[in-house]
Amino acid sequence: MPSNANLNDLVRALNSIGVTPYDLISILQALKEAGSLQAALEII
């Protein structure tokens, strides 16, 4: 991913390779914990 990619770009890329919704949430949570995602995650 380019350094100027946004969250939408990341989600589209992951969806294009067949990532499941559960895995997508796990990936986003891991990115947040690693400090690589500067966003608030609200999982309902």
N, C-alpha and C. Protein backbone atom coordinates (compact mmCIF):
# COMPACT_ATOMS: atom_id res chain seq x y z
N MET A 1 0.85 -1.17 0.00
CA MET A 1 0.00 0.00 0.00
C MET A 1 0.90 1.24 0.00
N PRO A 2 0.51 2.26 -0.77
CA PRO A 2 1.26 3.51 -0.73
C PRO A 2 1.11 4.20 0.63
N SER A 3 2.06 5.01 0.98
CA SER A 3 2.04 5.67 2.28
C SER A 3 0.86 6.64 2.42
N ASN A 4 0.30 7.09 1.31
CA ASN A 4 -0.82 8.02 1.37
C ASN A 4 -2.17 7.31 1.21
N ALA A 5 -2.18 5.99 1.35
CA ALA A 5 -3.43 5.22 1.24
C ALA A 5 -4.32 5.55 2.43
N ASN A 6 -5.63 5.51 2.20
CA ASN A 6 -6.56 5.75 3.29
C ASN A 6 -7.24 4.43 3.68
N LEU A 7 -8.08 4.49 4.67
CA LEU A 7 -8.74 3.29 5.18
C LEU A 7 -9.58 2.62 4.10
N ASN A 8 -10.26 3.40 3.30
CA ASN A 8 -11.07 2.84 2.22
C ASN A 8 -10.21 2.04 1.25
N ASP A 9 -9.03 2.56 0.90
CA ASP A 9 -8.11 1.85 0.01
C ASP A 9 -7.71 0.51 0.61
N LEU A 10 -7.40 0.51 1.90
CA LEU A 10 -6.99 -0.71 2.59
C LEU A 10 -8.12 -1.74 2.59
N VAL A 11 -9.32 -1.31 2.95
CA VAL A 11 -10.46 -2.24 3.02
C VAL A 11 -10.76 -2.80 1.63
N ARG A 12 -10.71 -1.97 0.60
CA ARG A 12 -10.96 -2.47 -0.76
C ARG A 12 -9.92 -3.49 -1.18
N ALA A 13 -8.65 -3.24 -0.84
CA ALA A 13 -7.59 -4.18 -1.19
C ALA A 13 -7.79 -5.51 -0.48
N LEU A 14 -8.12 -5.45 0.80
CA LEU A 14 -8.34 -6.68 1.56
C LEU A 14 -9.57 -7.43 1.04
N ASN A 15 -10.62 -6.71 0.72
CA ASN A 15 -11.81 -7.36 0.16
C ASN A 15 -11.51 -8.01 -1.18
N SER A 16 -10.65 -7.39 -1.97
CA SER A 16 -10.34 -7.93 -3.30
C SER A 16 -9.60 -9.26 -3.23
N ILE A 17 -8.93 -9.53 -2.10
CA ILE A 17 -8.25 -10.82 -1.96
C ILE A 17 -9.07 -11.81 -1.14
N GLY A 18 -10.31 -11.46 -0.85
CA GLY A 18 -11.23 -12.40 -0.21
C GLY A 18 -11.17 -12.49 1.30
N VAL A 19 -10.70 -11.44 1.95
CA VAL A 19 -10.66 -11.43 3.41
C VAL A 19 -12.08 -11.44 3.95
N THR A 20 -12.34 -12.27 4.95
CA THR A 20 -13.67 -12.34 5.54
C THR A 20 -13.90 -11.13 6.44
N PRO A 21 -15.15 -10.80 6.71
CA PRO A 21 -15.43 -9.67 7.60
C PRO A 21 -14.78 -9.84 8.98
N TYR A 22 -14.79 -11.06 9.51
CA TYR A 22 -14.16 -11.31 10.81
C TYR A 22 -12.66 -11.03 10.74
N ASP A 23 -12.02 -11.51 9.69
CA ASP A 23 -10.58 -11.27 9.53
C ASP A 23 -10.28 -9.79 9.31
N LEU A 24 -11.13 -9.10 8.59
CA LEU A 24 -10.95 -7.68 8.35
C LEU A 24 -10.95 -6.92 9.67
N ILE A 25 -11.89 -7.24 10.54
CA ILE A 25 -11.95 -6.60 11.85
C ILE A 25 -10.69 -6.90 12.64
N SER A 26 -10.24 -8.15 12.60
CA SER A 26 -9.02 -8.53 13.32
C SER A 26 -7.81 -7.78 12.80
N ILE A 27 -7.71 -7.62 11.50
CA ILE A 27 -6.60 -6.89 10.89
C ILE A 27 -6.62 -5.43 11.32
N LEU A 28 -7.79 -4.81 11.27
CA LEU A 28 -7.91 -3.41 11.66
C LEU A 28 -7.57 -3.22 13.14
N GLN A 29 -8.01 -4.15 13.98
CA GLN A 29 -7.69 -4.05 15.41
C GLN A 29 -6.18 -4.19 15.63
N ALA A 30 -5.55 -5.10 14.91
CA ALA A 30 -4.10 -5.29 15.04
C ALA A 30 -3.35 -4.04 14.57
N LEU A 31 -3.79 -3.44 13.48
CA LEU A 31 -3.17 -2.21 13.01
C LEU A 31 -3.32 -1.10 14.02
N LYS A 32 -4.48 -1.00 14.65
CA LYS A 32 -4.73 0.01 15.67
C LYS A 32 -3.81 -0.20 16.86
N GLU A 33 -3.70 -1.44 17.33
CA GLU A 33 -2.85 -1.75 18.48
C GLU A 33 -1.38 -1.48 18.19
N ALA A 34 -0.98 -1.66 16.92
CA ALA A 34 0.41 -1.43 16.53
C ALA A 34 0.72 0.04 16.31
N GLY A 35 -0.33 0.88 16.36
CA GLY A 35 -0.13 2.30 16.14
C GLY A 35 -0.09 2.70 14.68
N SER A 36 -0.46 1.77 13.80
CA SER A 36 -0.43 2.04 12.36
C SER A 36 -1.75 2.58 11.82
N LEU A 37 -2.76 2.59 12.66
CA LEU A 37 -4.08 3.08 12.24
C LEU A 37 -4.48 4.20 13.19
N GLN A 38 -4.64 5.37 12.65
CA GLN A 38 -5.03 6.52 13.47
C GLN A 38 -6.51 6.79 13.25
N ALA A 39 -7.31 5.96 13.90
CA ALA A 39 -8.76 6.07 13.77
C ALA A 39 -9.40 5.43 14.99
N ALA A 40 -10.63 5.78 15.23
CA ALA A 40 -11.39 5.14 16.29
C ALA A 40 -12.18 3.99 15.67
N LEU A 41 -12.07 2.79 16.24
CA LEU A 41 -12.82 1.65 15.74
C LEU A 41 -14.04 1.45 16.61
N GLU A 42 -15.19 1.40 16.01
CA GLU A 42 -16.43 1.12 16.72
C GLU A 42 -17.00 -0.16 16.14
N ILE A 43 -16.90 -1.23 16.90
CA ILE A 43 -17.37 -2.53 16.43
C ILE A 43 -18.66 -2.83 17.17
N ILE A 44 -19.72 -3.01 16.40
CA ILE A 44 -21.02 -3.25 17.01
C ILE A 44 -21.52 -4.64 16.72
